[in-house]
C-alpha atoms as a PDB file:
ATOM      1  CA  UNK A   1      51.017 -38.448 -75.560  1.00  0.00           C
ATOM      2  CA  UNK A   2      49.693 -41.928 -74.701  1.00  0.00           C
ATOM      3  CA  UNK A   3      46.252 -42.915 -75.986  1.00  0.00           C
ATOM      4  CA  UNK A   4      44.632 -45.578 -73.823  1.00  0.00           C
ATOM      5  CA  UNK A   5      41.288 -47.409 -73.694  1.00  0.00           C
ATOM      6  CA  UNK A   6      40.092 -49.035 -70.460  1.00  0.00           C
ATOM      7  CA  UNK A   7      37.012 -51.246 -70.403  1.00  0.00           C
ATOM      8  CA  UNK A   8      35.197 -51.811 -67.135  1.00  0.00           C
ATOM      9  CA  UNK A   9      36.357 -48.344 -66.102  1.00  0.00           C
ATOM     10  CA  UNK A  10      33.384 -47.246 -64.024  1.00  0.00           C
ATOM     11  CA  UNK A  11      34.432 -48.926 -60.780  1.00  0.00           C
ATOM     12  CA  UNK A  12      36.975 -51.136 -59.054  1.00  0.00           C
ATOM     13  CA  UNK A  13      40.271 -51.970 -60.748  1.00  0.00           C
ATOM     14  CA  UNK A  14      39.408 -50.209 -64.023  1.00  0.00           C
ATOM     15  CA  UNK A  15      38.499 -46.909 -62.376  1.00  0.00           C
ATOM     16  CA  UNK A  16      41.594 -47.039 -60.185  1.00  0.00           C
ATOM     17  CA  UNK A  17      43.872 -47.724 -63.165  1.00  0.00           C
ATOM     18  CA  UNK A  18      42.362 -44.708 -64.927  1.00  0.00           C
ATOM     19  CA  UNK A  19      42.995 -42.457 -61.926  1.00  0.00           C
ATOM     20  CA  UNK A  20      46.552 -43.684 -61.466  1.00  0.00           C
ATOM     21  CA  UNK A  21      47.395 -43.319 -65.140  1.00  0.00           C
ATOM     22  CA  UNK A  22      46.012 -39.778 -65.206  1.00  0.00           C
ATOM     23  CA  UNK A  23      47.975 -38.838 -62.100  1.00  0.00           C
ATOM     24  CA  UNK A  24      51.266 -40.372 -63.223  1.00  0.00           C
ATOM     25  CA  UNK A  25      51.613 -38.954 -66.718  1.00  0.00           C
ATOM     26  CA  UNK A  26      53.524 -35.700 -66.921  1.00  0.00           C
ATOM     27  CA  UNK A  27      52.577 -35.476 -70.565  1.00  0.00           C
ATOM     28  CA  UNK A  28      48.825 -35.245 -71.026  1.00  0.00           C
ATOM     29  CA  UNK A  29      47.026 -38.553 -71.189  1.00  0.00           C
ATOM     30  CA  UNK A  30      44.297 -39.234 -73.742  1.00  0.00           C
ATOM     31  CA  UNK A  31      42.087 -41.857 -72.205  1.00  0.00           C
ATOM     32  CA  UNK A  32      38.825 -43.500 -73.236  1.00  0.00           C
ATOM     33  CA  UNK A  33      36.682 -44.910 -70.439  1.00  0.00           C
ATOM     34  CA  UNK A  34      34.155 -47.628 -71.233  1.00  0.00           C
ATOM     35  CA  UNK A  35      31.560 -49.432 -69.116  1.00  0.00           C
ATOM     36  CA  UNK A  36      27.781 -49.776 -68.925  1.00  0.00           C
ATOM     37  CA  UNK A  37      27.135 -47.255 -66.151  1.00  0.00           C
ATOM     38  CA  UNK A  38      27.433 -43.783 -67.665  1.00  0.00           C
ATOM     39  CA  UNK A  39      26.938 -41.952 -64.368  1.00  0.00           C
ATOM     40  CA  UNK A  40      29.841 -43.775 -62.741  1.00  0.00           C
ATOM     41  CA  UNK A  41      31.970 -43.316 -65.857  1.00  0.00           C
ATOM     42  CA  UNK A  42      31.414 -39.574 -65.764  1.00  0.00           C
ATOM     43  CA  UNK A  43      32.502 -39.452 -62.125  1.00  0.00           C
ATOM     44  CA  UNK A  44      35.765 -41.252 -62.965  1.00  0.00           C
ATOM     45  CA  UNK A  45      36.201 -38.995 -66.008  1.00  0.00           C
ATOM     46  CA  UNK A  46      36.002 -35.875 -63.821  1.00  0.00           C
ATOM     47  CA  UNK A  47      38.705 -37.265 -61.548  1.00  0.00           C
ATOM     48  CA  UNK A  48      40.971 -37.978 -64.524  1.00  0.00           C
ATOM     49  CA  UNK A  49      40.325 -34.556 -66.037  1.00  0.00           C
ATOM     50  CA  UNK A  50      41.232 -32.922 -62.731  1.00  0.00           C
ATOM     51  CA  UNK A  51      44.644 -34.599 -63.067  1.00  0.00           C
ATOM     52  CA  UNK A  52      45.081 -33.140 -66.560  1.00  0.00           C
ATOM     53  CA  UNK A  53      43.920 -35.988 -68.780  1.00  0.00           C
ATOM     54  CA  UNK A  54      41.809 -35.639 -71.898  1.00  0.00           C
ATOM     55  CA  UNK A  55      38.902 -38.045 -71.466  1.00  0.00           C
ATOM     56  CA  UNK A  56      36.352 -39.619 -73.770  1.00  0.00           C
ATOM     57  CA  UNK A  57      33.466 -41.487 -72.140  1.00  0.00           C
ATOM     58  CA  UNK A  58      31.867 -44.237 -74.226  1.00  0.00           C
ATOM     59  CA  UNK A  59      29.079 -46.200 -72.499  1.00  0.00           C
ATOM     60  CA  UNK A  60      29.690 -49.772 -73.656  1.00  0.00           C
ATOM     61  CA  UNK A  61      28.286 -53.219 -73.025  1.00  0.00           C
ATOM     62  CA  UNK A  62      31.164 -55.484 -74.049  1.00  0.00           C
ATOM     63  CA  UNK A  63      28.822 -58.457 -74.479  1.00  0.00           C
ATOM     64  CA  UNK A  64      27.679 -56.737 -77.683  1.00  0.00           C
ATOM     65  CA  UNK A  65      30.134 -56.946 -80.583  1.00  0.00           C
ATOM     66  CA  UNK A  66      28.791 -53.832 -82.300  1.00  0.00           C
ATOM     67  CA  UNK A  67      29.336 -51.762 -79.181  1.00  0.00           C
ATOM     68  CA  UNK A  68      32.881 -53.099 -78.786  1.00  0.00           C
ATOM     69  CA  UNK A  69      33.818 -52.110 -82.311  1.00  0.00           C
ATOM     70  CA  UNK A  70      32.128 -48.727 -81.924  1.00  0.00           C
ATOM     71  CA  UNK A  71      34.163 -48.098 -78.767  1.00  0.00           C
ATOM     72  CA  UNK A  72      37.452 -48.618 -80.591  1.00  0.00           C
ATOM     73  CA  UNK A  73      36.345 -46.527 -83.575  1.00  0.00           C
ATOM     74  CA  UNK A  74      35.203 -43.606 -81.425  1.00  0.00           C
ATOM     75  CA  UNK A  75      38.449 -43.583 -79.427  1.00  0.00           C
ATOM     76  CA  UNK A  76      40.636 -43.690 -82.542  1.00  0.00           C
ATOM     77  CA  UNK A  77      38.615 -40.978 -84.271  1.00  0.00           C
ATOM     78  CA  UNK A  78      38.815 -38.737 -81.210  1.00  0.00           C
ATOM     79  CA  UNK A  79      42.517 -39.154 -80.427  1.00  0.00           C
ATOM     80  CA  UNK A  80      43.980 -40.168 -83.791  1.00  0.00           C
ATOM     81  CA  UNK A  81      45.269 -43.584 -82.815  1.00  0.00           C
ATOM     82  CA  UNK A  82      45.738 -46.017 -79.965  1.00  0.00           C
ATOM     83  CA  UNK A  83      48.716 -46.987 -77.796  1.00  0.00           C
ATOM     84  CA  UNK A  84      47.187 -49.335 -75.226  1.00  0.00           C
ATOM     85  CA  UNK A  85      44.030 -51.377 -74.750  1.00  0.00           C
ATOM     86  CA  UNK A  86      43.256 -52.508 -71.208  1.00  0.00           C
ATOM     87  CA  UNK A  87      40.685 -55.316 -71.346  1.00  0.00           C
ATOM     88  CA  UNK A  88      39.348 -55.085 -67.814  1.00  0.00           C
ATOM     89  CA  UNK A  89      35.554 -55.432 -68.111  1.00  0.00           C
ATOM     90  CA  UNK A  90      34.199 -58.526 -66.471  1.00  0.00           C
ATOM     91  CA  UNK A  91      31.552 -60.065 -64.266  1.00  0.00           C
ATOM     92  CA  UNK A  92      32.016 -62.546 -61.437  1.00  0.00           C
ATOM     93  CA  UNK A  93      29.947 -65.595 -60.538  1.00  0.00           C
ATOM     94  CA  UNK A  94      29.710 -68.116 -57.732  1.00  0.00           C
ATOM     95  CA  UNK A  95      27.548 -71.222 -57.908  1.00  0.00           C
ATOM     96  CA  UNK A  96      28.098 -74.959 -57.728  1.00  0.00           C
ATOM     97  CA  UNK A  97      27.181 -76.491 -61.067  1.00  0.00           C
ATOM     98  CA  UNK A  98      24.809 -78.904 -59.332  1.00  0.00           C
ATOM     99  CA  UNK A  99      22.871 -75.934 -57.950  1.00  0.00           C
ATOM    100  CA  UNK A 100      22.234 -74.406 -61.385  1.00  0.00           C
ATOM    101  CA  UNK A 101      18.928 -75.497 -62.921  1.00  0.00           C
ATOM    102  CA  UNK A 102      18.884 -76.166 -66.665  1.00  0.00           C
ATOM    103  CA  UNK A 103      16.551 -73.207 -67.187  1.00  0.00           C
ATOM    104  CA  UNK A 104      19.164 -70.870 -65.658  1.00  0.00           C
ATOM    105  CA  UNK A 105      22.276 -72.268 -67.340  1.00  0.00           C
ATOM    106  CA  UNK A 106      22.142 -69.599 -70.061  1.00  0.00           C
ATOM    107  CA  UNK A 107      23.921 -67.139 -67.776  1.00  0.00           C
ATOM    108  CA  UNK A 108      27.084 -69.220 -68.302  1.00  0.00           C
ATOM    109  CA  UNK A 109      26.948 -68.162 -71.943  1.00  0.00           C
ATOM    110  CA  UNK A 110      26.295 -64.519 -71.032  1.00  0.00           C
ATOM    111  CA  UNK A 111      29.258 -64.512 -68.660  1.00  0.00           C
ATOM    112  CA  UNK A 112      31.455 -65.882 -71.428  1.00  0.00           C
ATOM    113  CA  UNK A 113      30.283 -63.129 -73.775  1.00  0.00           C
ATOM    114  CA  UNK A 114      31.296 -60.485 -71.240  1.00  0.00           C
ATOM    115  CA  UNK A 115      34.545 -61.916 -69.881  1.00  0.00           C
ATOM    116  CA  UNK A 116      35.910 -63.599 -73.006  1.00  0.00           C
ATOM    117  CA  UNK A 117      34.177 -62.404 -76.159  1.00  0.00           C
ATOM    118  CA  UNK A 118      34.261 -58.766 -75.057  1.00  0.00           C
ATOM    119  CA  UNK A 119      38.068 -59.048 -74.979  1.00  0.00           C
ATOM    120  CA  UNK A 120      38.159 -60.760 -78.365  1.00  0.00           C
ATOM    121  CA  UNK A 121      35.941 -58.187 -80.085  1.00  0.00           C
ATOM    122  CA  UNK A 122      37.704 -55.153 -78.587  1.00  0.00           C
ATOM    123  CA  UNK A 123      41.144 -56.565 -79.285  1.00  0.00           C
ATOM    124  CA  UNK A 124      40.299 -57.538 -82.863  1.00  0.00           C
ATOM    125  CA  UNK A 125      39.021 -54.038 -83.620  1.00  0.00           C
ATOM    126  CA  UNK A 126      42.009 -52.387 -81.937  1.00  0.00           C
ATOM    127  CA  UNK A 127      44.708 -54.561 -83.509  1.00  0.00           C
ATOM    128  CA  UNK A 128      45.486 -52.505 -86.645  1.00  0.00           C
ATOM    129  CA  UNK A 129      45.864 -49.345 -84.554  1.00  0.00           C
ATOM    130  CA  UNK A 130      48.030 -51.056 -81.935  1.00  0.00           C
ATOM    131  CA  UNK A 131      50.275 -52.477 -84.646  1.00  0.00           C
ATOM    132  CA  UNK A 132      50.700 -48.990 -86.081  1.00  0.00           C
ATOM    133  CA  UNK A 133      51.848 -47.662 -82.694  1.00  0.00           C
ATOM    134  CA  UNK A 134      53.672 -50.826 -81.563  1.00  0.00           C
ATOM    135  CA  UNK A 135      51.471 -50.562 -78.538  1.00  0.00           C
ATOM    136  CA  UNK A 136      50.319 -52.679 -75.598  1.00  0.00           C
ATOM    137  CA  UNK A 137      47.457 -55.033 -74.804  1.00  0.00           C
ATOM    138  CA  UNK A 138      46.535 -55.807 -71.221  1.00  0.00           C
ATOM    139  CA  UNK A 139      44.082 -58.547 -70.257  1.00  0.00           C
ATOM    140  CA  UNK A 140      42.890 -58.577 -66.651  1.00  0.00           C
ATOM    141  CA  UNK A 141      42.228 -62.222 -65.863  1.00  0.00           C
ATOM    142  CA  UNK A 142      42.167 -63.792 -62.372  1.00  0.00           C
ATOM    143  CA  UNK A 143      43.944 -66.439 -60.332  1.00  0.00           C
ATOM    144  CA  UNK A 144      40.781 -68.409 -61.110  1.00  0.00           C
ATOM    145  CA  UNK A 145      42.115 -68.411 -64.666  1.00  0.00           C
ATOM    146  CA  UNK A 146      45.206 -70.309 -63.527  1.00  0.00           C
ATOM    147  CA  UNK A 147      43.621 -72.624 -60.961  1.00  0.00           C
ATOM    148  CA  UNK A 148      40.053 -73.901 -61.189  1.00  0.00           C
ATOM    149  CA  UNK A 149      38.122 -72.722 -58.139  1.00  0.00           C
ATOM    150  CA  UNK A 150      35.122 -74.736 -56.877  1.00  0.00           C
ATOM    151  CA  UNK A 151      31.886 -72.828 -57.201  1.00  0.00           C
ATOM    152  CA  UNK A 152      33.386 -70.784 -60.008  1.00  0.00           C
ATOM    153  CA  UNK A 153      33.095 -73.159 -62.943  1.00  0.00           C
ATOM    154  CA  UNK A 154      31.732 -70.485 -65.292  1.00  0.00           C
ATOM    155  CA  UNK A 155      34.084 -67.767 -64.103  1.00  0.00           C
ATOM    156  CA  UNK A 156      37.169 -69.970 -64.235  1.00  0.00           C
ATOM    157  CA  UNK A 157      36.199 -71.185 -67.706  1.00  0.00           C
ATOM    158  CA  UNK A 158      35.964 -67.626 -69.007  1.00  0.00           C
ATOM    159  CA  UNK A 159      39.302 -66.665 -67.487  1.00  0.00           C
ATOM    160  CA  UNK A 160      41.080 -69.808 -68.708  1.00  0.00           C
ATOM    161  CA  UNK A 161      39.745 -68.963 -72.177  1.00  0.00           C
ATOM    162  CA  UNK A 162      41.230 -65.481 -71.878  1.00  0.00           C
ATOM    163  CA  UNK A 163      44.579 -66.972 -70.947  1.00  0.00           C
ATOM    164  CA  UNK A 164      44.689 -69.276 -73.950  1.00  0.00           C
ATOM    165  CA  UNK A 165      43.574 -66.558 -76.347  1.00  0.00           C
ATOM    166  CA  UNK A 166      46.052 -63.932 -75.216  1.00  0.00           C
ATOM    167  CA  UNK A 167      48.985 -66.339 -74.878  1.00  0.00           C
ATOM    168  CA  UNK A 168      48.497 -67.421 -78.484  1.00  0.00           C
ATOM    169  CA  UNK A 169      47.991 -63.822 -79.596  1.00  0.00           C
ATOM    170  CA  UNK A 170      51.192 -62.737 -77.859  1.00  0.00           C
ATOM    171  CA  UNK A 171      53.180 -65.110 -80.045  1.00  0.00           C
ATOM    172  CA  UNK A 172      51.335 -63.982 -83.172  1.00  0.00           C
ATOM    173  CA  UNK A 173      52.174 -60.351 -82.401  1.00  0.00           C
ATOM    174  CA  UNK A 174      55.889 -60.772 -81.704  1.00  0.00           C
ATOM    175  CA  UNK A 175      56.940 -59.573 -85.179  1.00  0.00           C
ATOM    176  CA  UNK A 176      54.733 -56.485 -84.891  1.00  0.00           C
ATOM    177  CA  UNK A 177      56.185 -55.207 -81.619  1.00  0.00           C
ATOM    178  CA  UNK A 178      52.839 -55.250 -79.783  1.00  0.00           C
ATOM    179  CA  UNK A 179      53.150 -56.538 -76.221  1.00  0.00           C
ATOM    180  CA  UNK A 180      50.517 -58.628 -74.419  1.00  0.00           C
ATOM    181  CA  UNK A 181      50.367 -58.583 -70.627  1.00  0.00           C
ATOM    182  CA  UNK A 182      48.121 -61.022 -68.765  1.00  0.00           C
ATOM    183  CA  UNK A 183      47.286 -59.934 -65.212  1.00  0.00           C
ATOM    184  CA  UNK A 184      46.108 -62.480 -62.638  1.00  0.00           C
ATOM    185  CA  UNK A 185      44.700 -60.746 -59.544  1.00  0.00           C
ATOM    186  CA  UNK A 186      43.556 -62.767 -56.568  1.00  0.00           C
ATOM    187  CA  UNK A 187      40.918 -61.507 -54.152  1.00  0.00           C
ATOM    188  CA  UNK A 188      40.891 -57.710 -54.507  1.00  0.00           C
ATOM    189  CA  UNK A 189      38.955 -55.303 -52.311  1.00  0.00           C
ATOM    190  CA  UNK A 190      36.221 -54.456 -54.834  1.00  0.00           C
ATOM    191  CA  UNK A 191      32.507 -55.229 -55.104  1.00  0.00           C
ATOM    192  CA  UNK A 192      32.767 -57.406 -58.213  1.00  0.00           C
ATOM    193  CA  UNK A 193      31.866 -60.630 -56.397  1.00  0.00           C
ATOM    194  CA  UNK A 194      28.790 -59.027 -54.830  1.00  0.00           C
ATOM    195  CA  UNK A 195      27.491 -57.942 -58.242  1.00  0.00           C
ATOM    196  CA  UNK A 196      28.282 -61.285 -59.906  1.00  0.00           C
ATOM    197  CA  UNK A 197      25.858 -64.060 -60.799  1.00  0.00           C
ATOM    198  CA  UNK A 198      24.403 -66.584 -58.385  1.00  0.00           C
ATOM    199  CA  UNK A 199      22.952 -69.982 -59.365  1.00  0.00           C
ATOM    200  CA  UNK A 200      19.865 -68.333 -60.856  1.00  0.00           C
ATOM    201  CA  UNK A 201      21.856 -65.811 -62.857  1.00  0.00           C
ATOM    202  CA  UNK A 202      20.857 -62.996 -60.514  1.00  0.00           C
ATOM    203  CA  UNK A 203      23.094 -60.551 -58.647  1.00  0.00           C
ATOM    204  CA  UNK A 204      24.625 -62.535 -55.786  1.00  0.00           C
ATOM    205  CA  UNK A 205      24.681 -59.714 -53.235  1.00  0.00           C
ATOM    206  CA  UNK A 206      27.357 -61.578 -51.233  1.00  0.00           C
ATOM    207  CA  UNK A 207      30.828 -62.969 -51.819  1.00  0.00           C
ATOM    208  CA  UNK A 208      31.558 -66.670 -51.507  1.00  0.00           C
ATOM    209  CA  UNK A 209      35.275 -66.035 -50.946  1.00  0.00           C
ATOM    210  CA  UNK A 210      37.100 -65.201 -47.740  1.00  0.00           C
ATOM    211  CA  UNK A 211      38.098 -61.552 -48.064  1.00  0.00           C
ATOM    212  CA  UNK A 212      39.959 -60.795 -44.849  1.00  0.00           C
ATOM    213  CA  UNK A 213      43.269 -60.639 -46.761  1.00  0.00           C
ATOM    214  CA  UNK A 214      41.927 -58.941 -49.893  1.00  0.00           C
ATOM    215  CA  UNK A 215      44.479 -56.874 -51.821  1.00  0.00           C
ATOM    216  CA  UNK A 216      43.801 -53.113 -51.829  1.00  0.00           C
ATOM    217  CA  UNK A 217      42.519 -52.052 -55.235  1.00  0.00           C
ATOM    218  CA  UNK A 218      45.173 -49.329 -55.492  1.00  0.00           C
ATOM    219  CA  UNK A 219      47.943 -51.920 -55.120  1.00  0.00           C
ATOM    220  CA  UNK A 220      46.372 -54.192 -57.737  1.00  0.00           C
ATOM    221  CA  UNK A 221      46.002 -51.347 -60.247  1.00  0.00           C
ATOM    222  CA  UNK A 222      49.590 -50.256 -59.623  1.00  0.00           C
ATOM    223  CA  UNK A 223      50.922 -53.760 -60.312  1.00  0.00           C
ATOM    224  CA  UNK A 224      48.979 -54.024 -63.573  1.00  0.00           C
ATOM    225  CA  UNK A 225      50.137 -50.607 -64.797  1.00  0.00           C
ATOM    226  CA  UNK A 226      53.738 -51.434 -63.916  1.00  0.00           C
ATOM    227  CA  UNK A 227      53.435 -54.701 -65.809  1.00  0.00           C
ATOM    228  CA  UNK A 228      52.071 -52.878 -68.847  1.00  0.00           C
ATOM    229  CA  UNK A 229      54.803 -50.238 -68.766  1.00  0.00           C
ATOM    230  CA  UNK A 230      57.480 -52.917 -68.502  1.00  0.00           C
ATOM    231  CA  UNK A 231      55.762 -54.997 -71.185  1.00  0.00           C
ATOM    232  CA  UNK A 232      55.749 -58.002 -68.882  1.00  0.00           C
ATOM    233  CA  UNK A 233      54.244 -61.217 -70.144  1.00  0.00           C
ATOM    234  CA  UNK A 234      52.376 -61.868 -66.900  1.00  0.00           C
ATOM    235  CA  UNK A 235      51.556 -60.267 -63.578  1.00  0.00           C
ATOM    236  CA  UNK A 236      50.673 -62.982 -61.055  1.00  0.00           C
ATOM    237  CA  UNK A 237      49.542 -61.455 -57.766  1.00  0.00           C
ATOM    238  CA  UNK A 238      49.844 -62.705 -54.182  1.00  0.00           C
ATOM    239  CA  UNK A 239      52.266 -65.255 -52.770  1.00  0.00           C
ATOM    240  CA  UNK A 240      49.575 -67.932 -52.682  1.00  0.00           C
ATOM    241  CA  UNK A 241      48.822 -67.331 -56.342  1.00  0.00           C
ATOM    242  CA  UNK A 242      52.453 -67.691 -57.377  1.00  0.00           C
ATOM    243  CA  UNK A 243      52.930 -70.744 -55.171  1.00  0.00           C
ATOM    244  CA  UNK A 244      49.700 -72.390 -56.298  1.00  0.00           C
ATOM    245  CA  UNK A 245      50.596 -72.029 -59.941  1.00  0.00           C
ATOM    246  CA  UNK A 246      53.776 -74.077 -59.578  1.00  0.00           C
ATOM    247  CA  UNK A 247      52.409 -76.521 -57.019  1.00  0.00           C
ATOM    248  CA  UNK A 248      49.712 -77.394 -59.541  1.00  0.00           C
ATOM    249  CA  UNK A 249      52.397 -79.065 -61.642  1.00  0.00           C
ATOM    250  CA  UNK A 250      53.703 -81.333 -58.884  1.00  0.00           C
ATOM    251  CA  UNK A 251      50.953 -81.547 -56.256  1.00  0.00           C
ATOM    252  CA  UNK A 252      47.591 -80.822 -57.881  1.00  0.00           C
ATOM    253  CA  UNK A 253      45.623 -82.353 -55.007  1.00  0.00           C
ATOM    254  CA  UNK A 254      47.208 -79.900 -52.589  1.00  0.00           C
ATOM    255  CA  UNK A 255      46.258 -76.991 -54.836  1.00  0.00           C
ATOM    256  CA  UNK A 256      42.663 -78.208 -54.958  1.00  0.00           C
ATOM    257  CA  UNK A 257      42.616 -78.186 -51.153  1.00  0.00           C
ATOM    258  CA  UNK A 258      43.999 -74.630 -51.174  1.00  0.00           C
ATOM    259  CA  UNK A 259      41.209 -73.580 -53.544  1.00  0.00           C
ATOM    260  CA  UNK A 260      38.590 -75.134 -51.263  1.00  0.00           C
ATOM    261  CA  UNK A 261      40.102 -73.370 -48.250  1.00  0.00           C
ATOM    262  CA  UNK A 262      39.563 -70.000 -49.954  1.00  0.00           C
ATOM    263  CA  UNK A 263      35.782 -70.501 -49.847  1.00  0.00           C
ATOM    264  CA  UNK A 264      33.479 -69.595 -46.998  1.00  0.00           C
ATOM    265  CA  UNK A 265      32.163 -72.692 -45.230  1.00  0.00           C
ATOM    266  CA  UNK A 266      28.547 -72.081 -46.234  1.00  0.00           C
ATOM    267  CA  UNK A 267      29.320 -72.269 -49.967  1.00  0.00           C
ATOM    268  CA  UNK A 268      31.699 -75.226 -49.979  1.00  0.00           C
ATOM    269  CA  UNK A 269      30.530 -78.366 -51.793  1.00  0.00           C
ATOM    270  CA  UNK A 270      29.350 -81.180 -49.503  1.00  0.00           C
END
């Protein structure tokens, strides 16, 4: 039976992936759910258990290396191994660099610890177990990790870092049979942007992106799970995302204009 860890599993894409995985496995799933909010984790755990999954809840702040390594150890001890690690935990941010005072710039580092280092620490701890099972690694990035988005300098930096790390790791792991899938969602119908950082490093409370065409979270989770099951290298979501990636090679100025057009007027640089 598959043994899976999902970080950022208390809400949004992570919670939906957990529910879909629990519902789709005829054989019983052994799943470890990790995030900071224990109450929300327990609610997702009950939904997965109702579908027949065995669930371990491990409250985890992925910006802390010790907690990341403890997460992997607890999951392996409970279920005897590991078949898939879904690095989904992350925080959003929207602020023009010129609006960030020097005294507040430290949240850039904190965002990097969550979005990038949390993946590195969890993956490093999980690697021996994934090699033993010839398992899967999934990294949930963003289209902002393929195309720099204005107002998202910190967020794009963290997601570009993820891309470089996991692309290199994929090549390293070829002989071991461990697959690495990078997922690049666009705007998804979750609250992540509302909880992300503003220029002062506080919860933004609003989204700076146009969300009228946001992808349903269930569709996004389904695409990521399908990519993992097929051991795809990448899952690039939305037509604009796929188009923008290739246009960047031949018409980068046009892609920059597309990125600007995705912002609400009140947050565009002037």
